[in-house]
Amino acid sequence: TVPLKGSSIANPDLQQQALPEVYASVSAKSPACRQFSIANTKVIQEPHDLEVEGDEFVAGYWMEAWTVQYCGNTTDIPLKFTIEKDSTQINVQTNF
């Protein structure tokens, strides 16, 4: 459930958008596992070129690491959030 634990600066909508990709990347490494949870989040690359309107990010990028617990294991998944006026990209690194 969002908001996630930890120090993520992604708003709950961005977190919700990223969750399926994060879980899919872990599932690809451990196909038999179906139990996933986010134990922690942290910013690993500070925001660059961040622009805010109201309480929404409208431009900029940063990286976070989300700690995923799954079937007795724990791993950190790096994510890059890129916000532009008309789009948001969430790139989940799969080489963890």
C-alpha atoms as a PDB file:
ATOM      1  CA  THR A   1       0.000   0.000   0.000  1.00  0.00           C
ATOM      2  CA  VAL A   2       1.098   3.552  -0.606  1.00  0.00           C
ATOM      3  CA  PRO A   3       2.567   5.736   0.650  1.00  0.00           C
ATOM      4  CA  LEU A   4       5.518   3.406   1.051  1.00  0.00           C
ATOM      5  CA  LYS A   5       7.816   3.176   4.064  1.00  0.00           C
ATOM      6  CA  GLY A   6      11.047   5.108   4.019  1.00  0.00           C
ATOM      7  CA  SER A   7      12.172   8.368   2.500  1.00  0.00           C
ATOM      8  CA  SER A   8      10.893   8.174  -1.086  1.00  0.00           C
ATOM      9  CA  ILE A   9      10.095  11.595  -2.527  1.00  0.00           C
ATOM     10  CA  ALA A  10       7.821  10.080  -5.178  1.00  0.00           C
ATOM     11  CA  ASN A  11       4.212  10.957  -4.476  1.00  0.00           C
ATOM     12  CA  PRO A  12       1.735   8.109  -3.839  1.00  0.00           C
ATOM     13  CA  ASP A  13       0.571   8.130  -7.490  1.00  0.00           C
ATOM     14  CA  LEU A  14       4.153   7.638  -8.743  1.00  0.00           C
ATOM     15  CA  GLN A  15       4.749   4.960  -6.136  1.00  0.00           C
ATOM     16  CA  GLN A  16       1.613   3.129  -7.259  1.00  0.00           C
ATOM     17  CA  GLN A  17       2.737   3.346 -10.897  1.00  0.00           C
ATOM     18  CA  ALA A  18       6.176   1.933 -10.055  1.00  0.00           C
ATOM     19  CA  LEU A  19       5.064  -0.996  -7.868  1.00  0.00           C
ATOM     20  CA  PRO A  20       4.051  -3.412 -10.669  1.00  0.00           C
ATOM     21  CA  GLU A  21       7.363  -2.896 -12.475  1.00  0.00           C
ATOM     22  CA  VAL A  22       9.373  -3.355  -9.284  1.00  0.00           C
ATOM     23  CA  TYR A  23       7.519  -6.542  -8.405  1.00  0.00           C
ATOM     24  CA  ALA A  24       7.829  -7.824 -11.987  1.00  0.00           C
ATOM     25  CA  SER A  25      11.604  -7.361 -11.912  1.00  0.00           C
ATOM     26  CA  VAL A  26      11.862  -9.347  -8.670  1.00  0.00           C
ATOM     27  CA  SER A  27       9.490 -11.989 -10.009  1.00  0.00           C
ATOM     28  CA  ALA A  28      11.713 -12.429 -13.070  1.00  0.00           C
ATOM     29  CA  LYS A  29      14.604 -13.341 -10.753  1.00  0.00           C
ATOM     30  CA  SER A  30      12.477 -15.599  -8.544  1.00  0.00           C
ATOM     31  CA  PRO A  31       9.538 -16.874 -10.643  1.00  0.00           C
ATOM     32  CA  ALA A  32       8.130 -19.201  -7.989  1.00  0.00           C
ATOM     33  CA  CYS A  33       7.747 -16.387  -5.464  1.00  0.00           C
ATOM     34  CA  ARG A  34       4.424 -14.554  -5.250  1.00  0.00           C
ATOM     35  CA  GLN A  35       4.828 -12.708  -1.943  1.00  0.00           C
ATOM     36  CA  PHE A  36       6.399  -9.269  -2.215  1.00  0.00           C
ATOM     37  CA  SER A  37       6.521  -6.232   0.042  1.00  0.00           C
ATOM     38  CA  ILE A  38       8.430  -2.954   0.119  1.00  0.00           C
ATOM     39  CA  ALA A  39      10.419  -2.782   3.357  1.00  0.00           C
ATOM     40  CA  ASN A  40      12.054   0.616   2.765  1.00  0.00           C
ATOM     41  CA  THR A  41      12.680   3.347   0.207  1.00  0.00           C
ATOM     42  CA  LYS A  42      15.486   5.883  -0.026  1.00  0.00           C
ATOM     43  CA  VAL A  43      16.776   8.513  -2.428  1.00  0.00           C
ATOM     44  CA  ILE A  44      20.153   7.439  -3.849  1.00  0.00           C
ATOM     45  CA  GLN A  45      20.619  10.291  -6.326  1.00  0.00           C
ATOM     46  CA  GLU A  46      19.376  13.706  -5.301  1.00  0.00           C
ATOM     47  CA  PRO A  47      16.871  15.457  -7.579  1.00  0.00           C
ATOM     48  CA  HIS A  48      18.235  17.392 -10.559  1.00  0.00           C
ATOM     49  CA  ASP A  49      16.415  20.161 -12.409  1.00  0.00           C
ATOM     50  CA  LEU A  50      13.409  19.657 -10.126  1.00  0.00           C
ATOM     51  CA  GLU A  51      10.460  21.966 -10.744  1.00  0.00           C
ATOM     52  CA  VAL A  52       7.417  22.016  -8.507  1.00  0.00           C
ATOM     53  CA  GLU A  53       3.978  23.509  -9.130  1.00  0.00           C
ATOM     54  CA  GLY A  54       1.842  23.450  -6.012  1.00  0.00           C
ATOM     55  CA  ASP A  55       2.774  20.148  -4.425  1.00  0.00           C
ATOM     56  CA  GLU A  56       3.413  18.289  -7.710  1.00  0.00           C
ATOM     57  CA  PHE A  57       6.730  17.675  -9.451  1.00  0.00           C
ATOM     58  CA  VAL A  58       6.450  18.871 -13.058  1.00  0.00           C
ATOM     59  CA  ALA A  59      10.077  18.425 -14.172  1.00  0.00           C
ATOM     60  CA  GLY A  60      13.287  16.815 -13.003  1.00  0.00           C
ATOM     61  CA  TYR A  61      14.797  13.447 -12.256  1.00  0.00           C
ATOM     62  CA  TRP A  62      16.180  11.478  -9.324  1.00  0.00           C
ATOM     63  CA  MET A  63      16.975   7.904  -8.321  1.00  0.00           C
ATOM     64  CA  GLU A  64      15.687   5.822  -5.471  1.00  0.00           C
ATOM     65  CA  ALA A  65      16.353   2.335  -4.133  1.00  0.00           C
ATOM     66  CA  TRP A  66      13.390   0.329  -2.938  1.00  0.00           C
ATOM     67  CA  THR A  67      14.109  -2.577  -0.616  1.00  0.00           C
ATOM     68  CA  VAL A  68      11.908  -5.522  -1.585  1.00  0.00           C
ATOM     69  CA  GLN A  69      11.295  -8.511   0.670  1.00  0.00           C
ATOM     70  CA  TYR A  70      10.269 -11.665  -1.148  1.00  0.00           C
ATOM     71  CA  CYS A  71      10.089 -15.300  -0.059  1.00  0.00           C
ATOM     72  CA  GLY A  72      12.737 -14.956   2.646  1.00  0.00           C
ATOM     73  CA  ASN A  73      15.036 -12.746   0.569  1.00  0.00           C
ATOM     74  CA  THR A  74      15.709  -9.021   0.472  1.00  0.00           C
ATOM     75  CA  THR A  75      17.086  -6.946  -2.399  1.00  0.00           C
ATOM     76  CA  ASP A  76      17.403  -3.277  -3.318  1.00  0.00           C
ATOM     77  CA  ILE A  77      15.846  -2.287  -6.630  1.00  0.00           C
ATOM     78  CA  PRO A  78      17.138   0.968  -8.181  1.00  0.00           C
ATOM     79  CA  LEU A  79      14.560   3.176  -9.917  1.00  0.00           C
ATOM     80  CA  LYS A  80      15.007   6.359 -11.923  1.00  0.00           C
ATOM     81  CA  PHE A  81      12.103   8.798 -11.972  1.00  0.00           C
ATOM     82  CA  THR A  82      12.060  11.293 -14.843  1.00  0.00           C
ATOM     83  CA  ILE A  83       9.324  13.928 -14.847  1.00  0.00           C
ATOM     84  CA  GLU A  84       8.588  16.106 -17.865  1.00  0.00           C
ATOM     85  CA  LYS A  85       5.659  18.428 -18.542  1.00  0.00           C
ATOM     86  CA  ASP A  86       3.673  15.819 -20.483  1.00  0.00           C
ATOM     87  CA  SER A  87       5.057  12.528 -19.250  1.00  0.00           C
ATOM     88  CA  THR A  88       6.616  10.574 -16.435  1.00  0.00           C
ATOM     89  CA  GLN A  89       9.081   7.757 -16.916  1.00  0.00           C
ATOM     90  CA  ILE A  90       9.929   5.227 -14.254  1.00  0.00           C
ATOM     91  CA  ASN A  91      12.882   3.072 -15.177  1.00  0.00           C
ATOM     92  CA  VAL A  92      13.334   0.041 -12.963  1.00  0.00           C
ATOM     93  CA  GLN A  93      16.813  -1.424 -13.117  1.00  0.00           C
ATOM     94  CA  THR A  94      16.683  -5.164 -13.641  1.00  0.00           C
ATOM     95  CA  ASN A  95      20.372  -5.950 -13.156  1.00  0.00           C
ATOM     96  CA  PHE A  96      20.378  -6.173  -9.363  1.00  0.00           C
END
